[in-house]
Structure formats: C-alpha cells, structure tokens
Amino acid sequence: MTDAPVSLARLRRPALLIRAARAGLAEYDRARDLRRLLPRAGQPAPGRALAALVEAEALADADRREGRAGYSVIRHVGLLVALLAEARMGAEPAPSGPVASSSTGTEGRPRLMAV
C-alpha cells in the first residue's frame, strides 16, 4: 500500500464499528496492540504499520461482508483503533484555521466514513 492515509480517508464502515474504534483510541498501546494485531511484523515504523493495518482491516472487512464464520468483531475494532491511532501519529500538524475537506477530521487527520 503506497498511500495509506488516502486509503484511510476512503474507508466506509458501519457507524457502530467507527464509534467503537474511536472509543478505543484512549486505550491504544502501540507495543501491545501491534504485537497482537500484526504478530509477524514485530514493531514496525509508523508508516509500515499503517500500510499493514490497512491491508489487515480490508481482509477483516471482507470477512464481515461475506459473513464468514471466522470473522471477529473484536479483532476488526482493534484493527480500526490501531488504524486511527497510527494515522494520527503520522499526521502532519493541522493548519491554523478550519479544515474544509470532508475526508479529514477536525484536526486535519484522515477519518473513517460511516455507511
């Protein structure tokens, strides 16, 4: 994945998943959560972690949409929490003044869209 923040801005997920992910942001622990969500990646740099998380979340969302028995809503929310947290860590500081784009949050960071 070459441009994970752009991909993140295009994600459209159910509002309940997004609300759960936003609620979990306060408890995000990068070392603990990435070890659980990306066990083979070790402790990747923020950009690499974001790309791996985007891919893992896309697989989880495909499982959700197809109703697969192996789908885990807990893992999916965890992936979304990590995506939001990693995007915030890698985001540039917000420009002074309001942000006009609908694909960014109030701080100029990518945000997930509810469907």
PDB file of N, CA and C in Angstrom:
ATOM      1  N   MET A   1       0.853  -1.173   0.000  1.00  0.00           N
ATOM      2  CA  MET A   1       0.000   0.000   0.000  1.00  0.00           C
ATOM      3  C   MET A   1       0.890   1.224   0.000  1.00  0.00           C
ATOM      4  N   THR A   2       0.778   2.051  -0.994  1.00  0.00           N
ATOM      5  CA  THR A   2       1.689   3.176  -1.133  1.00  0.00           C
ATOM      6  C   THR A   2       1.207   4.434  -0.428  1.00  0.00           C
ATOM      7  N   ASP A   3      -0.070   4.671  -0.357  1.00  0.00           N
ATOM      8  CA  ASP A   3      -0.580   5.894   0.251  1.00  0.00           C
ATOM      9  C   ASP A   3      -1.687   5.562   1.236  1.00  0.00           C
ATOM     10  N   ALA A   4      -1.306   5.023   2.380  1.00  0.00           N
ATOM     11  CA  ALA A   4      -2.272   4.568   3.376  1.00  0.00           C
ATOM     12  C   ALA A   4      -3.202   5.675   3.872  1.00  0.00           C
ATOM     13  N   PRO A   5      -2.717   6.922   4.135  1.00  0.00           N
ATOM     14  CA  PRO A   5      -3.658   7.957   4.590  1.00  0.00           C
ATOM     15  C   PRO A   5      -4.773   8.232   3.591  1.00  0.00           C
ATOM     16  N   VAL A   6      -4.463   8.204   2.298  1.00  0.00           N
ATOM     17  CA  VAL A   6      -5.503   8.413   1.291  1.00  0.00           C
ATOM     18  C   VAL A   6      -6.483   7.251   1.329  1.00  0.00           C
ATOM     19  N   SER A   7      -5.973   6.024   1.435  1.00  0.00           N
ATOM     20  CA  SER A   7      -6.834   4.853   1.523  1.00  0.00           C
ATOM     21  C   SER A   7      -7.712   4.920   2.766  1.00  0.00           C
ATOM     22  N   LEU A   8      -7.133   5.392   3.866  1.00  0.00           N
ATOM     23  CA  LEU A   8      -7.884   5.511   5.114  1.00  0.00           C
ATOM     24  C   LEU A   8      -9.042   6.488   4.945  1.00  0.00           C
ATOM     25  N   ALA A   9      -8.822   7.576   4.246  1.00  0.00           N
ATOM     26  CA  ALA A   9      -9.876   8.570   4.049  1.00  0.00           C
ATOM     27  C   ALA A   9     -11.030   8.010   3.222  1.00  0.00           C
ATOM     28  N   ARG A  10     -10.752   6.997   2.415  1.00  0.00           N
ATOM     29  CA  ARG A  10     -11.794   6.405   1.564  1.00  0.00           C
ATOM     30  C   ARG A  10     -12.542   5.259   2.225  1.00  0.00           C
ATOM     31  N   LEU A  11     -12.101   4.820   3.388  1.00  0.00           N
ATOM     32  CA  LEU A  11     -12.781   3.707   4.055  1.00  0.00           C
ATOM     33  C   LEU A  11     -14.204   4.100   4.432  1.00  0.00           C
ATOM     34  N   ARG A  12     -15.121   3.192   4.175  1.00  0.00           N
ATOM     35  CA  ARG A  12     -16.515   3.405   4.580  1.00  0.00           C
ATOM     36  C   ARG A  12     -16.936   2.168   5.362  1.00  0.00           C
ATOM     37  N   ARG A  13     -17.188   2.367   6.631  1.00  0.00           N
ATOM     38  CA  ARG A  13     -17.541   1.262   7.518  1.00  0.00           C
ATOM     39  C   ARG A  13     -18.803   1.623   8.291  1.00  0.00           C
ATOM     40  N   PRO A  14     -19.502   0.606   8.821  1.00  0.00           N
ATOM     41  CA  PRO A  14     -20.709   0.889   9.616  1.00  0.00           C
ATOM     42  C   PRO A  14     -20.399   1.821  10.794  1.00  0.00           C
ATOM     43  N   ALA A  15     -21.333   2.690  11.080  1.00  0.00           N
ATOM     44  CA  ALA A  15     -21.148   3.692  12.128  1.00  0.00           C
ATOM     45  C   ALA A  15     -20.813   3.068  13.473  1.00  0.00           C
ATOM     46  N   LEU A  16     -21.399   1.929  13.786  1.00  0.00           N
ATOM     47  CA  LEU A  16     -21.124   1.294  15.065  1.00  0.00           C
ATOM     48  C   LEU A  16     -19.658   0.874  15.186  1.00  0.00           C
ATOM     49  N   LEU A  17     -19.080   0.346  14.114  1.00  0.00           N
ATOM     50  CA  LEU A  17     -17.649  -0.018  14.132  1.00  0.00           C
ATOM     51  C   LEU A  17     -16.786   1.222  14.329  1.00  0.00           C
ATOM     52  N   ILE A  18     -17.134   2.297  13.658  1.00  0.00           N
ATOM     53  CA  ILE A  18     -16.354   3.536  13.772  1.00  0.00           C
ATOM     54  C   ILE A  18     -16.445   4.101  15.180  1.00  0.00           C
ATOM     55  N   ARG A  19     -17.651   4.130  15.746  1.00  0.00           N
ATOM     56  CA  ARG A  19     -17.815   4.642  17.118  1.00  0.00           C
ATOM     57  C   ARG A  19     -17.034   3.804  18.111  1.00  0.00           C
ATOM     58  N   ALA A  20     -17.070   2.486  17.946  1.00  0.00           N
ATOM     59  CA  ALA A  20     -16.317   1.608  18.841  1.00  0.00           C
ATOM     60  C   ALA A  20     -14.821   1.865  18.724  1.00  0.00           C
ATOM     61  N   ALA A  21     -14.339   2.056  17.504  1.00  0.00           N
ATOM     62  CA  ALA A  21     -12.914   2.322  17.294  1.00  0.00           C
ATOM     63  C   ALA A  21     -12.511   3.653  17.926  1.00  0.00           C
ATOM     64  N   ARG A  22     -13.316   4.661  17.740  1.00  0.00           N
ATOM     65  CA  ARG A  22     -12.996   5.968  18.332  1.00  0.00           C
ATOM     66  C   ARG A  22     -12.994   5.889  19.854  1.00  0.00           C
ATOM     67  N   ALA A  23     -13.904   5.119  20.412  1.00  0.00           N
ATOM     68  CA  ALA A  23     -13.951   4.958  21.867  1.00  0.00           C
ATOM     69  C   ALA A  23     -12.703   4.245  22.378  1.00  0.00           C
ATOM     70  N   GLY A  24     -12.147   3.355  21.582  1.00  0.00           N
ATOM     71  CA  GLY A  24     -10.973   2.603  21.996  1.00  0.00           C
ATOM     72  C   GLY A  24      -9.659   3.337  21.844  1.00  0.00           C
ATOM     73  N   LEU A  25      -9.657   4.490  21.205  1.00  0.00           N
ATOM     74  CA  LEU A  25      -8.414   5.229  20.986  1.00  0.00           C
ATOM     75  C   LEU A  25      -7.679   5.578  22.271  1.00  0.00           C
ATOM     76  N   ALA A  26      -8.419   5.904  23.320  1.00  0.00           N
ATOM     77  CA  ALA A  26      -7.789   6.312  24.580  1.00  0.00           C
ATOM     78  C   ALA A  26      -6.977   5.178  25.199  1.00  0.00           C
ATOM     79  N   GLU A  27      -7.338   3.945  24.892  1.00  0.00           N
ATOM     80  CA  GLU A  27      -6.657   2.789  25.479  1.00  0.00           C
ATOM     81  C   GLU A  27      -5.614   2.172  24.549  1.00  0.00           C
ATOM     82  N   TYR A  28      -5.355   2.784  23.406  1.00  0.00           N
ATOM     83  CA  TYR A  28      -4.407   2.219  22.446  1.00  0.00           C
ATOM     84  C   TYR A  28      -2.996   2.212  23.027  1.00  0.00           C
ATOM     85  N   ASP A  29      -2.374   1.055  23.006  1.00  0.00           N
ATOM     86  CA  ASP A  29      -0.985   0.877  23.433  1.00  0.00           C
ATOM     87  C   ASP A  29      -0.262   0.261  22.243  1.00  0.00           C
ATOM     88  N   ARG A  30       0.551   1.045  21.581  1.00  0.00           N
ATOM     89  CA  ARG A  30       1.168   0.627  20.324  1.00  0.00           C
ATOM     90  C   ARG A  30       1.918  -0.699  20.447  1.00  0.00           C
ATOM     91  N   ALA A  31       2.770  -0.837  21.443  1.00  0.00           N
ATOM     92  CA  ALA A  31       3.570  -2.063  21.585  1.00  0.00           C
ATOM     93  C   ALA A  31       2.671  -3.278  21.786  1.00  0.00           C
ATOM     94  N   ARG A  32       1.723  -3.160  22.674  1.00  0.00           N
ATOM     95  CA  ARG A  32       0.827  -4.282  22.975  1.00  0.00           C
ATOM     96  C   ARG A  32      -0.081  -4.606  21.792  1.00  0.00           C
ATOM     97  N   ASP A  33      -0.719  -3.586  21.241  1.00  0.00           N
ATOM     98  CA  ASP A  33      -1.736  -3.821  20.217  1.00  0.00           C
ATOM     99  C   ASP A  33      -1.154  -4.256  18.881  1.00  0.00           C
ATOM    100  N   LEU A  34      -0.039  -3.668  18.466  1.00  0.00           N
ATOM    101  CA  LEU A  34       0.549  -4.103  17.199  1.00  0.00           C
ATOM    102  C   LEU A  34       1.095  -5.520  17.297  1.00  0.00           C
ATOM    103  N   ARG A  35       1.623  -5.887  18.460  1.00  0.00           N
ATOM    104  CA  ARG A  35       2.105  -7.261  18.652  1.00  0.00           C
ATOM    105  C   ARG A  35       0.955  -8.256  18.494  1.00  0.00           C
ATOM    106  N   ARG A  36      -0.230  -7.870  18.957  1.00  0.00           N
ATOM    107  CA  ARG A  36      -1.406  -8.741  18.858  1.00  0.00           C
ATOM    108  C   ARG A  36      -2.002  -8.725  17.444  1.00  0.00           C
ATOM    109  N   LEU A  37      -2.067  -7.560  16.829  1.00  0.00           N
ATOM    110  CA  LEU A  37      -2.730  -7.426  15.534  1.00  0.00           C
ATOM    111  C   LEU A  37      -1.842  -7.790  14.348  1.00  0.00           C
ATOM    112  N   LEU A  38      -0.544  -7.542  14.485  1.00  0.00           N
ATOM    113  CA  LEU A  38       0.420  -7.827  13.413  1.00  0.00           C
ATOM    114  C   LEU A  38       1.562  -8.662  13.990  1.00  0.00           C
ATOM    115  N   PRO A  39       1.293  -9.897  14.368  1.00  0.00           N
ATOM    116  CA  PRO A  39       2.295 -10.685  15.094  1.00  0.00           C
ATOM    117  C   PRO A  39       3.598 -10.911  14.332  1.00  0.00           C
ATOM    118  N   ARG A  40       3.568 -10.951  13.042  1.00  0.00           N
ATOM    119  CA  ARG A  40       4.786 -11.215  12.259  1.00  0.00           C
ATOM    120  C   ARG A  40       5.581  -9.956  11.955  1.00  0.00           C
ATOM    121  N   ALA A  41       5.011  -8.814  12.227  1.00  0.00           N
ATOM    122  CA  ALA A  41       5.663  -7.556  11.861  1.00  0.00           C
ATOM    123  C   ALA A  41       6.592  -7.018  12.933  1.00  0.00           C
ATOM    124  N   GLY A  42       6.579  -7.586  14.121  1.00  0.00           N
ATOM    125  CA  GLY A  42       7.398  -7.055  15.205  1.00  0.00           C
ATOM    126  C   GLY A  42       6.884  -5.692  15.630  1.00  0.00           C
ATOM    127  N   GLN A  43       7.783  -4.702  15.630  1.00  0.00           N
ATOM    128  CA  GLN A  43       7.407  -3.329  15.983  1.00  0.00           C
ATOM    129  C   GLN A  43       7.747  -2.424  14.795  1.00  0.00           C
ATOM    130  N   PRO A  44       6.881  -2.407  13.765  1.00  0.00           N
ATOM    131  CA  PRO A  44       7.197  -1.661  12.546  1.00  0.00           C
ATOM    132  C   PRO A  44       7.161  -0.152  12.751  1.00  0.00           C
ATOM    133  N   ALA A  45       7.826   0.545  11.850  1.00  0.00           N
ATOM    134  CA  ALA A  45       7.772   2.012  11.831  1.00  0.00           C
ATOM    135  C   ALA A  45       6.325   2.426  11.563  1.00  0.00           C
ATOM    136  N   PRO A  46       5.920   3.615  12.003  1.00  0.00           N
ATOM    137  CA  PRO A  46       4.519   4.032  11.835  1.00  0.00           C
ATOM    138  C   PRO A  46       3.972   3.900  10.413  1.00  0.00           C
ATOM    139  N   GLY A  47       4.713   4.299   9.399  1.00  0.00           N
ATOM    140  CA  GLY A  47       4.225   4.197   8.025  1.00  0.00           C
ATOM    141  C   GLY A  47       4.010   2.755   7.592  1.00  0.00           C
ATOM    142  N   ARG A  48       4.944   1.884   7.952  1.00  0.00           N
ATOM    143  CA  ARG A  48       4.819   0.463   7.609  1.00  0.00           C
ATOM    144  C   ARG A  48       3.672  -0.177   8.377  1.00  0.00           C
ATOM    145  N   ALA A  49       3.518   0.208   9.641  1.00  0.00           N
ATOM    146  CA  ALA A  49       2.427  -0.340  10.452  1.00  0.00           C
ATOM    147  C   ALA A  49       1.090   0.058   9.836  1.00  0.00           C
ATOM    148  N   LEU A  50       0.973   1.295   9.416  1.00  0.00           N
ATOM    149  CA  LEU A  50      -0.277   1.777   8.839  1.00  0.00           C
ATOM    150  C   LEU A  50      -0.631   1.003   7.575  1.00  0.00           C
ATOM    151  N   ALA A  51       0.350   0.775   6.719  1.00  0.00           N
ATOM    152  CA  ALA A  51       0.097   0.024   5.487  1.00  0.00           C
ATOM    153  C   ALA A  51      -0.341  -1.407   5.799  1.00  0.00           C
ATOM    154  N   ALA A  52       0.329  -2.048   6.756  1.00  0.00           N
ATOM    155  CA  ALA A  52      -0.038  -3.420   7.136  1.00  0.00           C
ATOM    156  C   ALA A  52      -1.421  -3.458   7.769  1.00  0.00           C
ATOM    157  N   LEU A  53      -1.743  -2.448   8.558  1.00  0.00           N
ATOM    158  CA  LEU A  53      -3.064  -2.392   9.203  1.00  0.00           C
ATOM    159  C   LEU A  53      -4.170  -2.175   8.175  1.00  0.00           C
ATOM    160  N   VAL A  54      -3.916  -1.348   7.169  1.00  0.00           N
ATOM    161  CA  VAL A  54      -4.913  -1.123   6.124  1.00  0.00           C
ATOM    162  C   VAL A  54      -5.223  -2.442   5.427  1.00  0.00           C
ATOM    163  N   GLU A  55      -4.190  -3.204   5.119  1.00  0.00           N
ATOM    164  CA  GLU A  55      -4.393  -4.497   4.453  1.00  0.00           C
ATOM    165  C   GLU A  55      -5.141  -5.480   5.350  1.00  0.00           C
ATOM    166  N   ALA A  56      -4.736  -5.568   6.627  1.00  0.00           N
ATOM    167  CA  ALA A  56      -5.389  -6.493   7.556  1.00  0.00           C
ATOM    168  C   ALA A  56      -6.850  -6.105   7.780  1.00  0.00           C
ATOM    169  N   GLU A  57      -7.127  -4.801   7.865  1.00  0.00           N
ATOM    170  CA  GLU A  57      -8.502  -4.344   8.067  1.00  0.00           C
ATOM    171  C   GLU A  57      -9.348  -4.648   6.841  1.00  0.00           C
ATOM    172  N   ALA A  58      -8.778  -4.517   5.658  1.00  0.00           N
ATOM    173  CA  ALA A  58      -9.528  -4.836   4.437  1.00  0.00           C
ATOM    174  C   ALA A  58      -9.930  -6.307   4.416  1.00  0.00           C
ATOM    175  N   LEU A  59      -9.040  -7.174   4.860  1.00  0.00           N
ATOM    176  CA  LEU A  59      -9.370  -8.605   4.950  1.00  0.00           C
ATOM    177  C   LEU A  59     -10.476  -8.847   5.984  1.00  0.00           C
ATOM    178  N   ALA A  60     -10.370  -8.168   7.133  1.00  0.00           N
ATOM    179  CA  ALA A  60     -11.400  -8.316   8.165  1.00  0.00           C
ATOM    180  C   ALA A  60     -12.746  -7.818   7.653  1.00  0.00           C
ATOM    181  N   ASP A  61     -12.734  -6.713   6.909  1.00  0.00           N
ATOM    182  CA  ASP A  61     -13.988  -6.184   6.384  1.00  0.00           C
ATOM    183  C   ASP A  61     -14.584  -7.121   5.340  1.00  0.00           C
ATOM    184  N   ALA A  62     -13.739  -7.737   4.531  1.00  0.00           N
ATOM    185  CA  ALA A  62     -14.238  -8.718   3.552  1.00  0.00           C
ATOM    186  C   ALA A  62     -14.881  -9.894   4.267  1.00  0.00           C
ATOM    187  N   ASP A  63     -14.265 -10.351   5.358  1.00  0.00           N
ATOM    188  CA  ASP A  63     -14.851 -11.435   6.159  1.00  0.00           C
ATOM    189  C   ASP A  63     -16.216 -11.020   6.705  1.00  0.00           C
ATOM    190  N   ARG A  64     -16.307  -9.765   7.190  1.00  0.00           N
ATOM    191  CA  ARG A  64     -17.572  -9.262   7.735  1.00  0.00           C
ATOM    192  C   ARG A  64     -18.646  -9.225   6.657  1.00  0.00           C
ATOM    193  N   ARG A  65     -18.322  -8.670   5.514  1.00  0.00           N
ATOM    194  CA  ARG A  65     -19.293  -8.529   4.431  1.00  0.00           C
ATOM    195  C   ARG A  65     -19.772  -9.875   3.888  1.00  0.00           C
ATOM    196  N   GLU A  66     -18.865 -10.862   3.879  1.00  0.00           N
ATOM    197  CA  GLU A  66     -19.217 -12.178   3.352  1.00  0.00           C
ATOM    198  C   GLU A  66     -19.802 -13.104   4.409  1.00  0.00           C
ATOM    199  N   GLY A  67     -19.875 -12.635   5.656  1.00  0.00           N
ATOM    200  CA  GLY A  67     -20.478 -13.425   6.722  1.00  0.00           C
ATOM    201  C   GLY A  67     -19.685 -14.670   7.092  1.00  0.00           C
ATOM    202  N   ARG A  68     -18.383 -14.608   6.959  1.00  0.00           N
ATOM    203  CA  ARG A  68     -17.541 -15.765   7.269  1.00  0.00           C
ATOM    204  C   ARG A  68     -17.569 -16.083   8.759  1.00  0.00           C
ATOM    205  N   ALA A  69     -17.539 -17.373   9.053  1.00  0.00           N
ATOM    206  CA  ALA A  69     -17.586 -17.831  10.449  1.00  0.00           C
ATOM    207  C   ALA A  69     -16.372 -17.377  11.239  1.00  0.00           C
ATOM    208  N   GLY A  70     -15.246 -17.192  10.601  1.00  0.00           N
ATOM    209  CA  GLY A  70     -14.030 -16.798  11.293  1.00  0.00           C
ATOM    210  C   GLY A  70     -13.924 -15.309  11.588  1.00  0.00           C
ATOM    211  N   TYR A  71     -14.931 -14.529  11.176  1.00  0.00           N
ATOM    212  CA  TYR A  71     -14.889 -13.090  11.407  1.00  0.00           C
ATOM    213  C   TYR A  71     -14.946 -12.785  12.898  1.00  0.00           C
ATOM    214  N   SER A  72     -14.064 -11.895  13.348  1.00  0.00           N
ATOM    215  CA  SER A  72     -14.039 -11.467  14.742  1.00  0.00           C
ATOM    216  C   SER A  72     -14.261  -9.961  14.811  1.00  0.00           C
ATOM    217  N   VAL A  73     -15.386  -9.567  15.381  1.00  0.00           N
ATOM    218  CA  VAL A  73     -15.666  -8.139  15.520  1.00  0.00           C
ATOM    219  C   VAL A  73     -14.655  -7.500  16.474  1.00  0.00           C
ATOM    220  N   ILE A  74     -14.187  -8.244  17.452  1.00  0.00           N
ATOM    221  CA  ILE A  74     -13.192  -7.712  18.395  1.00  0.00           C
ATOM    222  C   ILE A  74     -11.898  -7.370  17.650  1.00  0.00           C
ATOM    223  N   ARG A  75     -11.447  -8.288  16.804  1.00  0.00           N
ATOM    224  CA  ARG A  75     -10.232  -8.030  16.021  1.00  0.00           C
ATOM    225  C   ARG A  75     -10.456  -6.863  15.057  1.00  0.00           C
ATOM    226  N   HIS A  76     -11.623  -6.813  14.429  1.00  0.00           N
ATOM    227  CA  HIS A  76     -11.912  -5.745  13.467  1.00  0.00           C
ATOM    228  C   HIS A  76     -11.877  -4.383  14.160  1.00  0.00           C
ATOM    229  N   VAL A  77     -12.501  -4.267  15.303  1.00  0.00           N
ATOM    230  CA  VAL A  77     -12.476  -2.996  16.041  1.00  0.00           C
ATOM    231  C   VAL A  77     -11.042  -2.675  16.454  1.00  0.00           C
ATOM    232  N   GLY A  78     -10.295  -3.671  16.899  1.00  0.00           N
ATOM    233  CA  GLY A  78      -8.899  -3.447  17.264  1.00  0.00           C
ATOM    234  C   GLY A  78      -8.078  -2.929  16.096  1.00  0.00           C
ATOM    235  N   LEU A  79      -8.316  -3.480  14.914  1.00  0.00           N
ATOM    236  CA  LEU A  79      -7.619  -3.006  13.719  1.00  0.00           C
ATOM    237  C   LEU A  79      -7.991  -1.562  13.402  1.00  0.00           C
ATOM    238  N   LEU A  80      -9.263  -1.223  13.549  1.00  0.00           N
ATOM    239  CA  LEU A  80      -9.700   0.151  13.289  1.00  0.00           C
ATOM    240  C   LEU A  80      -9.120   1.122  14.318  1.00  0.00           C
ATOM    241  N   VAL A  81      -9.062   0.704  15.587  1.00  0.00           N
ATOM    242  CA  VAL A  81      -8.438   1.547  16.618  1.00  0.00           C
ATOM    243  C   VAL A  81      -6.986   1.820  16.244  1.00  0.00           C
ATOM    244  N   ALA A  82      -6.269   0.756  15.891  1.00  0.00           N
ATOM    245  CA  ALA A  82      -4.861   0.902  15.532  1.00  0.00           C
ATOM    246  C   ALA A  82      -4.696   1.777  14.289  1.00  0.00           C
ATOM    247  N   LEU A  83      -5.575   1.606  13.310  1.00  0.00           N
ATOM    248  CA  LEU A  83      -5.521   2.437  12.101  1.00  0.00           C
ATOM    249  C   LEU A  83      -5.664   3.916  12.451  1.00  0.00           C
ATOM    250  N   LEU A  84      -6.660   4.232  13.254  1.00  0.00           N
ATOM    251  CA  LEU A  84      -6.877   5.628  13.629  1.00  0.00           C
ATOM    252  C   LEU A  84      -5.689   6.177  14.419  1.00  0.00           C
ATOM    253  N   ALA A  85      -5.193   5.401  15.363  1.00  0.00           N
ATOM    254  CA  ALA A  85      -4.080   5.855  16.193  1.00  0.00           C
ATOM    255  C   ALA A  85      -2.807   6.041  15.363  1.00  0.00           C
ATOM    256  N   GLU A  86      -2.515   5.089  14.501  1.00  0.00           N
ATOM    257  CA  GLU A  86      -1.312   5.190  13.666  1.00  0.00           C
ATOM    258  C   GLU A  86      -1.430   6.353  12.683  1.00  0.00           C
ATOM    259  N   ALA A  87      -2.616   6.581  12.151  1.00  0.00           N
ATOM    260  CA  ALA A  87      -2.815   7.713  11.236  1.00  0.00           C
ATOM    261  C   ALA A  87      -2.600   9.025  11.977  1.00  0.00           C
ATOM    262  N   ARG A  88      -3.045   9.090  13.199  1.00  0.00           N
ATOM    263  CA  ARG A  88      -2.852  10.309  13.988  1.00  0.00           C
ATOM    264  C   ARG A  88      -1.383  10.520  14.315  1.00  0.00           C
ATOM    265  N   MET A  89      -0.662   9.439  14.589  1.00  0.00           N
ATOM    266  CA  MET A  89       0.770   9.576  14.899  1.00  0.00           C
ATOM    267  C   MET A  89       1.544  10.072  13.692  1.00  0.00           C
ATOM    268  N   GLY A  90       1.127   9.657  12.501  1.00  0.00           N
ATOM    269  CA  GLY A  90       1.849  10.032  11.299  1.00  0.00           C
ATOM    270  C   GLY A  90       1.335  11.291  10.632  1.00  0.00           C
ATOM    271  N   ALA A  91       0.250  11.855  11.138  1.00  0.00           N
ATOM    272  CA  ALA A  91      -0.356  13.037  10.510  1.00  0.00           C
ATOM    273  C   ALA A  91       0.469  14.283  10.788  1.00  0.00           C
ATOM    274  N   GLU A  92       0.490  15.148   9.814  1.00  0.00           N
ATOM    275  CA  GLU A  92       1.152  16.442   9.978  1.00  0.00           C
ATOM    276  C   GLU A  92       0.286  17.311  10.879  1.00  0.00           C
ATOM    277  N   PRO A  93       0.891  18.285  11.556  1.00  0.00           N
ATOM    278  CA  PRO A  93       0.081  19.202  12.361  1.00  0.00           C
ATOM    279  C   PRO A  93      -0.963  19.900  11.497  1.00  0.00           C
ATOM    280  N   ALA A  94      -2.091  20.173  12.091  1.00  0.00           N
ATOM    281  CA  ALA A  94      -3.195  20.811  11.366  1.00  0.00           C
ATOM    282  C   ALA A  94      -2.849  22.254  11.027  1.00  0.00           C
ATOM    283  N   PRO A  95      -3.298  22.722   9.871  1.00  0.00           N
ATOM    284  CA  PRO A  95      -3.091  24.133   9.550  1.00  0.00           C
ATOM    285  C   PRO A  95      -3.936  24.999  10.475  1.00  0.00           C
ATOM    286  N   SER A  96      -3.504  26.238  10.676  1.00  0.00           N
ATOM    287  CA  SER A  96      -4.322  27.109  11.516  1.00  0.00           C
ATOM    288  C   SER A  96      -5.556  27.521  10.740  1.00  0.00           C
ATOM    289  N   GLY A  97      -6.688  27.342  11.334  1.00  0.00           N
ATOM    290  CA  GLY A  97      -7.943  27.642  10.666  1.00  0.00           C
ATOM    291  C   GLY A  97      -8.732  26.378  10.428  1.00  0.00           C
ATOM    292  N   PRO A  98      -9.999  26.510  10.065  1.00  0.00           N
ATOM    293  CA  PRO A  98     -10.846  25.336   9.880  1.00  0.00           C
ATOM    294  C   PRO A  98     -10.437  24.519   8.658  1.00  0.00           C
ATOM    295  N   VAL A  99     -10.683  23.242   8.747  1.00  0.00           N
ATOM    296  CA  VAL A  99     -10.388  22.333   7.646  1.00  0.00           C
ATOM    297  C   VAL A  99     -11.665  22.165   6.846  1.00  0.00           C
ATOM    298  N   ALA A 100     -11.580  22.391   5.539  1.00  0.00           N
ATOM    299  CA  ALA A 100     -12.774  22.356   4.701  1.00  0.00           C
ATOM    300  C   ALA A 100     -13.034  20.995   4.085  1.00  0.00           C
ATOM    301  N   SER A 101     -12.053  20.116   4.071  1.00  0.00           N
ATOM    302  CA  SER A 101     -12.206  18.824   3.399  1.00  0.00           C
ATOM    303  C   SER A 101     -13.129  17.906   4.167  1.00  0.00           C
ATOM    304  N   SER A 102     -13.971  17.172   3.450  1.00  0.00           N
ATOM    305  CA  SER A 102     -14.878  16.235   4.105  1.00  0.00           C
ATOM    306  C   SER A 102     -14.192  14.918   4.410  1.00  0.00           C
ATOM    307  N   SER A 103     -12.964  14.693   3.911  1.00  0.00           N
ATOM    308  CA  SER A 103     -12.278  13.434   4.157  1.00  0.00           C
ATOM    309  C   SER A 103     -11.298  13.524   5.314  1.00  0.00           C
ATOM    310  N   THR A 104     -11.277  14.650   6.014  1.00  0.00           N
ATOM    311  CA  THR A 104     -10.402  14.764   7.162  1.00  0.00           C
ATOM    312  C   THR A 104     -11.212  15.154   8.376  1.00  0.00           C
ATOM    313  N   GLY A 105     -10.678  14.824   9.534  1.00  0.00           N
ATOM    314  CA  GLY A 105     -11.320  15.181  10.790  1.00  0.00           C
ATOM    315  C   GLY A 105     -11.031  16.628  11.120  1.00  0.00           C
ATOM    316  N   THR A 106     -11.438  17.059  12.290  1.00  0.00           N
ATOM    317  CA  THR A 106     -11.259  18.457  12.669  1.00  0.00           C
ATOM    318  C   THR A 106      -9.800  18.826  12.843  1.00  0.00           C
ATOM    319  N   GLU A 107      -8.921  17.873  13.095  1.00  0.00           N
ATOM    320  CA  GLU A 107      -7.511  18.163  13.248  1.00  0.00           C
ATOM    321  C   GLU A 107      -6.747  17.981  11.946  1.00  0.00           C
ATOM    322  N   GLY A 108      -7.411  17.823  10.812  1.00  0.00           N
ATOM    323  CA  GLY A 108      -6.731  17.629   9.553  1.00  0.00           C
ATOM    324  C   GLY A 108      -6.259  16.202   9.354  1.00  0.00           C
ATOM    325  N   ARG A 109      -6.746  15.290  10.156  1.00  0.00           N
ATOM    326  CA  ARG A 109      -6.358  13.893  10.055  1.00  0.00           C
ATOM    327  C   ARG A 109      -7.385  13.108   9.271  1.00  0.00           C
ATOM    328  N   PRO A 110      -6.964  12.031   8.607  1.00  0.00           N
ATOM    329  CA  PRO A 110      -7.954  11.201   7.895  1.00  0.00           C
ATOM    330  C   PRO A 110      -8.981  10.652   8.875  1.00  0.00           C
ATOM    331  N   ARG A 111     -10.195  10.551   8.425  1.00  0.00           N
ATOM    332  CA  ARG A 111     -11.218   9.958   9.284  1.00  0.00           C
ATOM    333  C   ARG A 111     -12.000   8.916   8.502  1.00  0.00           C
ATOM    334  N   LEU A 112     -12.549   7.991   9.221  1.00  0.00           N
ATOM    335  CA  LEU A 112     -13.351   6.954   8.606  1.00  0.00           C
ATOM    336  C   LEU A 112     -14.749   7.477   8.382  1.00  0.00           C
ATOM    337  N   MET A 113     -15.363   7.045   7.316  1.00  0.00           N
ATOM    338  CA  MET A 113     -16.717   7.471   6.989  1.00  0.00           C
ATOM    339  C   MET A 113     -17.696   6.385   7.383  1.00  0.00           C
ATOM    340  N   ALA A 114     -18.816   6.770   7.956  1.00  0.00           N
ATOM    341  CA  ALA A 114     -19.867   5.818   8.293  1.00  0.00           C
ATOM    342  C   ALA A 114     -20.722   5.543   7.069  1.00  0.00           C
ATOM    343  N   VAL A 115     -21.197   4.342   6.950  1.00  0.00           N
ATOM    344  CA  VAL A 115     -22.068   3.977   5.847  1.00  0.00           C
ATOM    345  C   VAL A 115     -23.484   3.891   6.349  1.00  0.00           C
TER     346      VAL A 115
END
